[in-house]
């Protein structure tokens, strides 16, 4: 399986190749010769997993983040959970065994599963009431959920790299 970073980088290279091809077409249509060359090695990695804000997934195009579709992280792996805890990222999984935790760990959990799940449609109870999220709010929560899955996959990829070095 490709790492999350590699999946995002592949999509970035596809976008750059399409941009170069579109430039060639535009130049040909105007009767000119295009000298632009597509070099996949010159496309920098848009995201690398890390602890600092400069590595934030929120700083890159959401389309690149949503291009990640393969996950194999395991929140039942105690050493991985300890790794997340040591790197201050365990909070993003919420409470162990919660609906959110289990949904993150279920790699077949889809956008429609998320949007249809009653636990995600309502905010936590406050003063005996639960606010129901509107459609736009729920889609924003889905985006956060998917970004979390991608970030966890990046962390798992890094965790496995470190284990391979030992």
N, C-alpha and C. Protein backbone atom coordinates (compact mmCIF):
# COMPACT_ATOMS: atom_id res chain seq x y z
N UNK A 1 0.84 -1.18 0.00
CA UNK A 1 0.00 0.00 0.00
C UNK A 1 0.88 1.24 0.00
N UNK A 2 0.47 2.24 -0.76
CA UNK A 2 1.20 3.51 -0.80
C UNK A 2 0.97 4.30 0.49
N UNK A 3 1.99 5.02 0.90
CA UNK A 3 1.83 5.89 2.07
C UNK A 3 0.89 7.04 1.72
N UNK A 4 0.36 7.69 2.77
CA UNK A 4 -0.50 8.86 2.55
C UNK A 4 0.27 9.95 1.81
N UNK A 5 1.53 10.17 2.20
CA UNK A 5 2.35 11.18 1.53
C UNK A 5 2.50 10.86 0.04
N UNK A 6 2.72 9.60 -0.29
CA UNK A 6 2.90 9.20 -1.69
C UNK A 6 1.61 9.36 -2.48
N UNK A 7 0.46 9.05 -1.86
CA UNK A 7 -0.82 9.22 -2.55
C UNK A 7 -1.06 10.69 -2.89
N UNK A 8 -0.75 11.57 -1.94
CA UNK A 8 -0.93 13.01 -2.17
C UNK A 8 0.05 13.49 -3.24
N UNK A 9 1.29 13.04 -3.17
CA UNK A 9 2.31 13.44 -4.14
C UNK A 9 1.95 12.96 -5.55
N UNK A 10 1.44 11.74 -5.67
CA UNK A 10 1.00 11.24 -6.98
C UNK A 10 -0.07 12.14 -7.58
N UNK A 11 -1.03 12.54 -6.75
CA UNK A 11 -2.10 13.41 -7.24
C UNK A 11 -1.54 14.77 -7.65
N UNK A 12 -0.59 15.30 -6.89
CA UNK A 12 0.03 16.59 -7.23
C UNK A 12 0.76 16.49 -8.58
N UNK A 13 1.41 15.37 -8.83
CA UNK A 13 2.11 15.18 -10.12
C UNK A 13 1.10 15.06 -11.26
N UNK A 14 -0.02 14.40 -11.03
CA UNK A 14 -1.06 14.30 -12.06
C UNK A 14 -1.60 15.69 -12.40
N UNK A 15 -1.82 16.50 -11.40
CA UNK A 15 -2.33 17.86 -11.62
C UNK A 15 -1.32 18.68 -12.41
N UNK A 16 -0.04 18.57 -12.06
CA UNK A 16 1.00 19.31 -12.79
C UNK A 16 1.10 18.83 -14.23
N UNK A 17 1.00 17.54 -14.46
CA UNK A 17 1.06 17.01 -15.82
C UNK A 17 -0.12 17.54 -16.64
N UNK A 18 -1.31 17.58 -16.05
CA UNK A 18 -2.48 18.12 -16.74
C UNK A 18 -2.30 19.60 -17.06
N UNK A 19 -1.71 20.34 -16.12
CA UNK A 19 -1.45 21.76 -16.34
C UNK A 19 -0.50 21.97 -17.51
N UNK A 20 0.55 21.18 -17.58
CA UNK A 20 1.53 21.29 -18.67
C UNK A 20 0.89 20.92 -20.01
N UNK A 21 0.10 19.84 -20.01
CA UNK A 21 -0.57 19.42 -21.24
C UNK A 21 -1.55 20.51 -21.72
N UNK A 22 -2.27 21.13 -20.79
CA UNK A 22 -3.21 22.20 -21.15
C UNK A 22 -2.45 23.40 -21.72
N UNK A 23 -1.28 23.68 -21.19
CA UNK A 23 -0.44 24.77 -21.70
C UNK A 23 0.02 24.47 -23.12
N UNK A 24 0.41 23.21 -23.39
CA UNK A 24 0.80 22.81 -24.75
C UNK A 24 -0.35 23.02 -25.73
N UNK A 25 -1.55 22.61 -25.34
CA UNK A 25 -2.73 22.75 -26.20
C UNK A 25 -2.98 24.24 -26.47
N UNK A 26 -2.93 25.05 -25.45
CA UNK A 26 -3.18 26.49 -25.58
C UNK A 26 -2.16 27.13 -26.53
N UNK A 27 -0.91 26.75 -26.40
CA UNK A 27 0.14 27.31 -27.25
C UNK A 27 -0.06 26.87 -28.71
N UNK A 28 -0.38 25.58 -28.91
CA UNK A 28 -0.60 25.07 -30.27
C UNK A 28 -1.78 25.78 -30.93
N UNK A 29 -2.86 26.00 -30.16
CA UNK A 29 -4.04 26.66 -30.69
C UNK A 29 -3.74 28.09 -31.11
N UNK A 30 -2.78 28.71 -30.45
CA UNK A 30 -2.43 30.08 -30.81
C UNK A 30 -1.30 30.12 -31.84
N UNK A 31 -0.93 28.94 -32.37
CA UNK A 31 0.10 28.87 -33.41
C UNK A 31 1.52 28.97 -32.90
N UNK A 32 1.72 28.80 -31.63
CA UNK A 32 3.05 28.89 -31.04
C UNK A 32 3.56 27.51 -30.64
N UNK A 33 4.83 27.44 -30.36
CA UNK A 33 5.44 26.20 -29.88
C UNK A 33 5.67 26.32 -28.38
N UNK A 34 5.24 25.32 -27.65
CA UNK A 34 5.42 25.32 -26.21
C UNK A 34 6.76 24.68 -25.85
N UNK A 35 7.48 25.33 -24.98
CA UNK A 35 8.77 24.80 -24.54
C UNK A 35 8.70 24.25 -23.12
N UNK A 36 7.50 24.22 -22.56
CA UNK A 36 7.33 23.69 -21.21
C UNK A 36 7.49 22.18 -21.24
N UNK A 37 8.25 21.66 -20.30
CA UNK A 37 8.42 20.21 -20.17
C UNK A 37 7.90 19.77 -18.81
N UNK A 38 7.22 18.65 -18.83
CA UNK A 38 6.76 18.07 -17.56
C UNK A 38 7.86 17.19 -17.01
N UNK A 39 8.29 17.50 -15.80
CA UNK A 39 9.30 16.70 -15.13
C UNK A 39 8.76 16.32 -13.76
N UNK A 40 8.31 15.05 -13.60
CA UNK A 40 7.70 14.65 -12.33
C UNK A 40 8.64 14.80 -11.14
N UNK A 41 9.94 14.75 -11.38
CA UNK A 41 10.90 14.89 -10.28
C UNK A 41 10.94 16.31 -9.72
N UNK A 42 10.47 17.28 -10.49
CA UNK A 42 10.49 18.68 -10.05
C UNK A 42 9.24 19.06 -9.25
N UNK A 43 8.27 18.15 -9.18
CA UNK A 43 7.06 18.42 -8.40
C UNK A 43 7.38 18.08 -6.95
N UNK A 44 7.39 19.10 -6.10
CA UNK A 44 7.74 18.86 -4.70
C UNK A 44 6.59 18.19 -3.95
N UNK A 45 6.95 17.51 -2.87
CA UNK A 45 5.92 16.88 -2.05
C UNK A 45 5.11 17.97 -1.36
N UNK A 46 3.79 17.96 -1.54
CA UNK A 46 2.97 19.00 -0.93
C UNK A 46 2.81 18.82 0.58
N UNK A 47 3.01 17.58 1.08
CA UNK A 47 2.80 17.33 2.50
C UNK A 47 3.72 16.22 2.97
N UNK A 48 4.31 16.45 4.14
CA UNK A 48 5.10 15.44 4.82
C UNK A 48 4.63 15.41 6.26
N UNK A 49 4.37 14.23 6.78
CA UNK A 49 3.86 14.13 8.13
C UNK A 49 4.89 14.66 9.11
N UNK A 50 4.42 15.44 10.08
CA UNK A 50 5.31 15.99 11.10
C UNK A 50 4.53 16.63 12.22
N UNK A 51 5.24 17.14 13.18
CA UNK A 51 4.60 17.72 14.36
C UNK A 51 4.31 19.21 14.25
N UNK A 52 4.94 19.90 13.32
CA UNK A 52 4.83 21.36 13.32
C UNK A 52 3.73 21.84 12.37
N UNK A 53 3.34 23.09 12.56
CA UNK A 53 2.26 23.68 11.77
C UNK A 53 2.60 23.74 10.29
N UNK A 54 3.90 23.84 9.95
CA UNK A 54 4.25 23.93 8.53
C UNK A 54 3.92 22.63 7.79
N UNK A 55 3.68 21.57 8.53
CA UNK A 55 3.33 20.29 7.92
C UNK A 55 1.82 20.05 7.93
N UNK A 56 1.06 21.07 8.29
CA UNK A 56 -0.38 20.91 8.44
C UNK A 56 -1.04 20.54 7.12
N UNK A 57 -1.93 19.57 7.19
CA UNK A 57 -2.71 19.20 6.01
C UNK A 57 -3.60 20.35 5.57
N UNK A 58 -3.95 21.22 6.50
CA UNK A 58 -4.86 22.31 6.17
C UNK A 58 -4.19 23.39 5.32
N UNK A 59 -2.88 23.27 5.12
CA UNK A 59 -2.16 24.23 4.28
C UNK A 59 -2.08 23.79 2.83
N UNK A 60 -2.63 22.64 2.50
CA UNK A 60 -2.60 22.18 1.12
C UNK A 60 -4.02 22.05 0.58
N UNK A 61 -4.13 21.93 -0.71
CA UNK A 61 -5.42 21.83 -1.39
C UNK A 61 -6.21 20.61 -0.89
N UNK A 62 -7.47 20.84 -0.54
CA UNK A 62 -8.31 19.75 -0.02
C UNK A 62 -8.44 18.61 -1.03
N UNK A 63 -8.42 18.93 -2.32
CA UNK A 63 -8.49 17.88 -3.34
C UNK A 63 -7.35 16.89 -3.23
N UNK A 64 -6.18 17.39 -2.85
CA UNK A 64 -5.04 16.50 -2.65
C UNK A 64 -5.27 15.60 -1.44
N UNK A 65 -5.82 16.16 -0.38
CA UNK A 65 -6.08 15.37 0.82
C UNK A 65 -7.13 14.30 0.53
N UNK A 66 -8.16 14.67 -0.22
CA UNK A 66 -9.21 13.70 -0.53
C UNK A 66 -8.77 12.66 -1.56
N UNK A 67 -7.59 12.85 -2.16
CA UNK A 67 -7.08 11.83 -3.08
C UNK A 67 -6.55 10.62 -2.33
N UNK A 68 -6.35 10.75 -1.02
CA UNK A 68 -5.90 9.61 -0.21
C UNK A 68 -7.11 8.73 0.07
N UNK A 69 -7.02 7.49 -0.38
CA UNK A 69 -8.16 6.59 -0.21
C UNK A 69 -7.78 5.24 0.38
N UNK A 70 -6.50 5.01 0.62
CA UNK A 70 -6.05 3.75 1.19
C UNK A 70 -5.52 3.98 2.59
N UNK A 71 -6.06 3.23 3.53
CA UNK A 71 -5.68 3.37 4.93
C UNK A 71 -5.37 2.00 5.52
N UNK A 72 -4.39 1.95 6.40
CA UNK A 72 -4.12 0.71 7.12
C UNK A 72 -3.67 0.95 8.55
N UNK A 73 -3.86 2.19 9.07
CA UNK A 73 -3.49 2.44 10.47
C UNK A 73 -4.42 1.63 11.37
N UNK A 74 -3.96 1.38 12.60
CA UNK A 74 -4.71 0.53 13.51
C UNK A 74 -4.73 1.15 14.90
N UNK A 75 -5.87 1.66 15.29
CA UNK A 75 -6.01 2.27 16.61
C UNK A 75 -6.12 1.22 17.71
N UNK A 76 -6.10 -0.05 17.35
CA UNK A 76 -6.05 -1.12 18.34
C UNK A 76 -4.61 -1.51 18.65
N UNK A 77 -3.67 -0.99 17.89
CA UNK A 77 -2.24 -1.25 18.11
C UNK A 77 -1.76 -0.33 19.23
N UNK A 78 -1.52 -0.89 20.40
CA UNK A 78 -1.16 -0.08 21.57
C UNK A 78 0.13 0.71 21.37
N UNK A 79 1.10 0.16 20.65
CA UNK A 79 2.34 0.89 20.44
C UNK A 79 2.11 2.09 19.51
N UNK A 80 1.20 1.96 18.53
CA UNK A 80 0.86 3.09 17.67
C UNK A 80 0.11 4.16 18.47
N UNK A 81 -0.83 3.74 19.30
CA UNK A 81 -1.57 4.69 20.13
C UNK A 81 -0.62 5.42 21.07
N UNK A 82 0.36 4.70 21.61
CA UNK A 82 1.37 5.33 22.46
C UNK A 82 2.19 6.35 21.66
N UNK A 83 2.53 6.00 20.41
CA UNK A 83 3.25 6.91 19.52
C UNK A 83 2.44 8.19 19.30
N UNK A 84 1.14 8.05 19.05
CA UNK A 84 0.27 9.23 18.89
C UNK A 84 0.24 10.07 20.16
N UNK A 85 0.15 9.39 21.28
CA UNK A 85 0.12 10.09 22.56
C UNK A 85 1.42 10.85 22.81
N UNK A 86 2.55 10.24 22.54
CA UNK A 86 3.86 10.88 22.73
C UNK A 86 4.04 12.08 21.80
N UNK A 87 3.41 12.05 20.64
CA UNK A 87 3.54 13.14 19.66
C UNK A 87 2.35 14.10 19.71
N UNK A 88 1.56 14.02 20.78
CA UNK A 88 0.47 14.95 21.04
C UNK A 88 -0.64 14.93 19.98
N UNK A 89 -0.91 13.76 19.41
CA UNK A 89 -1.95 13.67 18.38
C UNK A 89 -3.08 12.71 18.74
N UNK A 90 -3.00 12.08 19.90
CA UNK A 90 -4.03 11.11 20.26
C UNK A 90 -5.39 11.78 20.45
N UNK A 91 -5.42 13.05 20.84
CA UNK A 91 -6.69 13.76 21.09
C UNK A 91 -7.59 13.78 19.85
N UNK A 92 -6.99 13.73 18.66
CA UNK A 92 -7.82 13.82 17.45
C UNK A 92 -8.71 12.59 17.27
N UNK A 93 -8.41 11.52 17.99
CA UNK A 93 -9.22 10.29 17.89
C UNK A 93 -10.39 10.30 18.86
N UNK A 94 -10.42 11.30 19.72
CA UNK A 94 -11.41 11.42 20.78
C UNK A 94 -11.25 10.28 21.78
N UNK A 95 -12.34 9.80 22.36
CA UNK A 95 -12.27 8.80 23.42
C UNK A 95 -12.19 7.39 22.84
N UNK A 96 -11.27 6.60 23.41
CA UNK A 96 -11.14 5.20 22.97
C UNK A 96 -12.49 4.50 23.07
N UNK A 97 -12.87 3.83 22.00
CA UNK A 97 -14.12 3.10 21.97
C UNK A 97 -15.33 3.93 21.59
N UNK A 98 -15.16 5.25 21.43
CA UNK A 98 -16.29 6.10 21.04
C UNK A 98 -16.67 5.84 19.59
N UNK A 99 -17.81 6.34 19.19
CA UNK A 99 -18.25 6.20 17.81
C UNK A 99 -17.22 6.80 16.86
N UNK A 100 -16.68 7.96 17.22
CA UNK A 100 -15.69 8.63 16.38
C UNK A 100 -14.43 7.79 16.24
N UNK A 101 -13.93 7.29 17.38
CA UNK A 101 -12.73 6.44 17.39
C UNK A 101 -12.95 5.22 16.49
N UNK A 102 -14.08 4.55 16.68
CA UNK A 102 -14.37 3.34 15.90
C UNK A 102 -14.54 3.65 14.42
N UNK A 103 -15.15 4.78 14.11
CA UNK A 103 -15.34 5.17 12.70
C UNK A 103 -13.98 5.47 12.06
N UNK A 104 -13.09 6.14 12.78
CA UNK A 104 -11.74 6.39 12.26
C UNK A 104 -11.03 5.07 11.96
N UNK A 105 -11.19 4.12 12.84
CA UNK A 105 -10.47 2.85 12.72
C UNK A 105 -11.11 1.90 11.70
N UNK A 106 -12.33 2.22 11.25
CA UNK A 106 -13.02 1.41 10.23
C UNK A 106 -12.69 1.98 8.86
N UNK A 107 -11.80 1.33 8.15
CA UNK A 107 -11.32 1.87 6.87
C UNK A 107 -12.34 1.77 5.74
N UNK A 108 -13.44 1.08 5.99
CA UNK A 108 -14.50 1.01 4.98
C UNK A 108 -15.59 2.05 5.26
N UNK A 109 -15.43 2.85 6.31
CA UNK A 109 -16.41 3.87 6.70
C UNK A 109 -16.40 4.99 5.67
N UNK A 110 -17.53 5.19 5.00
CA UNK A 110 -17.63 6.12 3.87
C UNK A 110 -18.23 7.47 4.29
N UNK A 111 -18.20 8.38 3.35
CA UNK A 111 -18.81 9.69 3.57
C UNK A 111 -20.30 9.53 3.87
N UNK A 112 -20.99 8.68 3.12
CA UNK A 112 -22.43 8.49 3.37
C UNK A 112 -22.66 7.85 4.74
N UNK A 113 -21.78 6.93 5.16
CA UNK A 113 -21.89 6.36 6.51
C UNK A 113 -21.80 7.47 7.56
N UNK A 114 -20.85 8.38 7.34
CA UNK A 114 -20.65 9.49 8.27
C UNK A 114 -21.88 10.39 8.32
N UNK A 115 -22.36 10.80 7.15
CA UNK A 115 -23.48 11.74 7.08
C UNK A 115 -24.78 11.15 7.61
N UNK A 116 -24.93 9.82 7.52
CA UNK A 116 -26.15 9.16 7.98
C UNK A 116 -26.09 8.76 9.45
N UNK A 117 -24.92 8.82 10.06
CA UNK A 117 -24.76 8.38 11.44
C UNK A 117 -25.34 9.43 12.40
N UNK A 118 -26.31 9.03 13.20
CA UNK A 118 -26.99 9.96 14.12
C UNK A 118 -26.01 10.57 15.13
N UNK A 119 -24.98 9.83 15.54
CA UNK A 119 -24.02 10.36 16.51
C UNK A 119 -23.25 11.55 15.96
N UNK A 120 -23.09 11.62 14.65
CA UNK A 120 -22.35 12.72 14.05
C UNK A 120 -23.26 13.87 13.63
N UNK A 121 -24.57 13.63 13.60
CA UNK A 121 -25.51 14.66 13.17
C UNK A 121 -25.84 15.65 14.27
N UNK A 122 -25.51 15.32 15.51
CA UNK A 122 -25.86 16.16 16.64
C UNK A 122 -24.62 16.51 17.45
N UNK A 123 -24.61 17.72 17.99
CA UNK A 123 -23.54 18.14 18.90
C UNK A 123 -23.74 17.46 20.25
N UNK A 124 -22.73 17.55 21.11
CA UNK A 124 -22.86 17.00 22.45
C UNK A 124 -23.99 17.72 23.19
N UNK A 125 -24.59 17.01 24.09
CA UNK A 125 -25.70 17.59 24.86
C UNK A 125 -25.20 18.74 25.73
N UNK A 126 -25.96 19.82 25.74
CA UNK A 126 -25.65 20.98 26.57
C UNK A 126 -26.94 21.49 27.17
N UNK A 127 -26.99 21.54 28.49
CA UNK A 127 -28.18 21.99 29.22
C UNK A 127 -29.43 21.23 28.77
N UNK A 128 -29.27 19.93 28.60
CA UNK A 128 -30.38 19.06 28.26
C UNK A 128 -30.81 19.09 26.79
N UNK A 129 -30.08 19.81 25.96
CA UNK A 129 -30.44 19.91 24.55
C UNK A 129 -29.26 19.50 23.67
N UNK A 130 -29.60 18.97 22.50
CA UNK A 130 -28.58 18.62 21.51
C UNK A 130 -28.88 19.35 20.21
N UNK A 131 -27.92 20.15 19.78
CA UNK A 131 -28.06 20.91 18.54
C UNK A 131 -27.84 19.97 17.36
N UNK A 132 -28.73 20.04 16.36
CA UNK A 132 -28.57 19.24 15.14
C UNK A 132 -27.82 20.08 14.12
N UNK A 133 -26.75 19.51 13.58
CA UNK A 133 -25.94 20.21 12.59
C UNK A 133 -26.70 20.34 11.29
N UNK A 134 -26.51 21.48 10.63
CA UNK A 134 -27.06 21.68 9.29
C UNK A 134 -26.21 20.92 8.28
N UNK A 135 -26.67 20.86 7.05
CA UNK A 135 -25.97 20.10 6.01
C UNK A 135 -24.54 20.61 5.79
N UNK A 136 -24.37 21.94 5.73
CA UNK A 136 -23.05 22.51 5.53
C UNK A 136 -22.11 22.20 6.69
N UNK A 137 -22.65 22.28 7.91
CA UNK A 137 -21.84 21.97 9.09
C UNK A 137 -21.42 20.50 9.10
N UNK A 138 -22.34 19.64 8.72
CA UNK A 138 -22.06 18.20 8.69
C UNK A 138 -20.99 17.88 7.64
N UNK A 139 -21.06 18.55 6.49
CA UNK A 139 -20.03 18.35 5.46
C UNK A 139 -18.66 18.85 5.94
N UNK A 140 -18.66 19.95 6.71
CA UNK A 140 -17.41 20.43 7.28
C UNK A 140 -16.85 19.42 8.28
N UNK A 141 -17.73 18.82 9.07
CA UNK A 141 -17.28 17.79 10.02
C UNK A 141 -16.73 16.57 9.28
N UNK A 142 -17.36 16.22 8.14
CA UNK A 142 -16.84 15.11 7.33
C UNK A 142 -15.43 15.44 6.84
N UNK A 143 -15.22 16.66 6.41
CA UNK A 143 -13.91 17.08 5.93
C UNK A 143 -12.87 16.93 7.05
N UNK A 144 -13.22 17.39 8.23
CA UNK A 144 -12.31 17.26 9.38
C UNK A 144 -12.03 15.79 9.66
N UNK A 145 -13.07 14.98 9.60
CA UNK A 145 -12.93 13.54 9.83
C UNK A 145 -11.96 12.92 8.82
N UNK A 146 -12.13 13.25 7.54
CA UNK A 146 -11.25 12.68 6.51
C UNK A 146 -9.82 13.19 6.67
N UNK A 147 -9.66 14.47 6.96
CA UNK A 147 -8.32 15.01 7.21
C UNK A 147 -7.68 14.27 8.37
N UNK A 148 -8.46 13.96 9.41
CA UNK A 148 -7.93 13.22 10.55
C UNK A 148 -7.46 11.84 10.14
N UNK A 149 -8.25 11.17 9.29
CA UNK A 149 -7.84 9.83 8.82
C UNK A 149 -6.54 9.90 8.03
N UNK A 150 -6.42 10.90 7.18
CA UNK A 150 -5.20 11.05 6.38
C UNK A 150 -4.01 11.35 7.30
N UNK A 151 -4.23 12.23 8.28
CA UNK A 151 -3.15 12.55 9.21
C UNK A 151 -2.74 11.31 10.00
N UNK A 152 -3.72 10.53 10.46
CA UNK A 152 -3.41 9.30 11.19
C UNK A 152 -2.65 8.31 10.30
N UNK A 153 -3.03 8.25 9.02
CA UNK A 153 -2.31 7.36 8.10
C UNK A 153 -0.86 7.83 7.95
N UNK A 154 -0.66 9.14 7.84
CA UNK A 154 0.69 9.68 7.77
C UNK A 154 1.49 9.34 9.02
N UNK A 155 0.83 9.46 10.17
CA UNK A 155 1.49 9.11 11.43
C UNK A 155 1.83 7.63 11.46
N UNK A 156 0.92 6.79 10.98
CA UNK A 156 1.16 5.34 10.97
C UNK A 156 2.30 4.99 10.02
N UNK A 157 2.34 5.66 8.88
CA UNK A 157 3.45 5.43 7.94
C UNK A 157 4.77 5.79 8.59
N UNK A 158 4.82 6.93 9.28
CA UNK A 158 6.03 7.36 9.97
C UNK A 158 6.37 6.41 11.12
N UNK A 159 5.36 5.98 11.86
CA UNK A 159 5.53 5.03 12.96
C UNK A 159 6.17 3.74 12.43
N UNK A 160 5.67 3.25 11.30
CA UNK A 160 6.23 2.02 10.72
C UNK A 160 7.65 2.24 10.23
N UNK A 161 7.94 3.42 9.66
CA UNK A 161 9.32 3.73 9.24
C UNK A 161 10.26 3.67 10.42
N UNK A 162 9.85 4.23 11.54
CA UNK A 162 10.69 4.23 12.74
C UNK A 162 10.89 2.83 13.27
N UNK A 163 9.84 2.00 13.21
CA UNK A 163 9.96 0.61 13.67
C UNK A 163 10.90 -0.17 12.76
N UNK A 164 10.88 0.14 11.45
CA UNK A 164 11.77 -0.53 10.51
C UNK A 164 13.22 -0.19 10.76
N UNK A 165 13.48 1.01 11.32
CA UNK A 165 14.85 1.45 11.57
C UNK A 165 15.45 0.79 12.80
N UNK A 166 14.60 0.28 13.69
CA UNK A 166 15.08 -0.31 14.95
C UNK A 166 15.66 -1.68 14.71
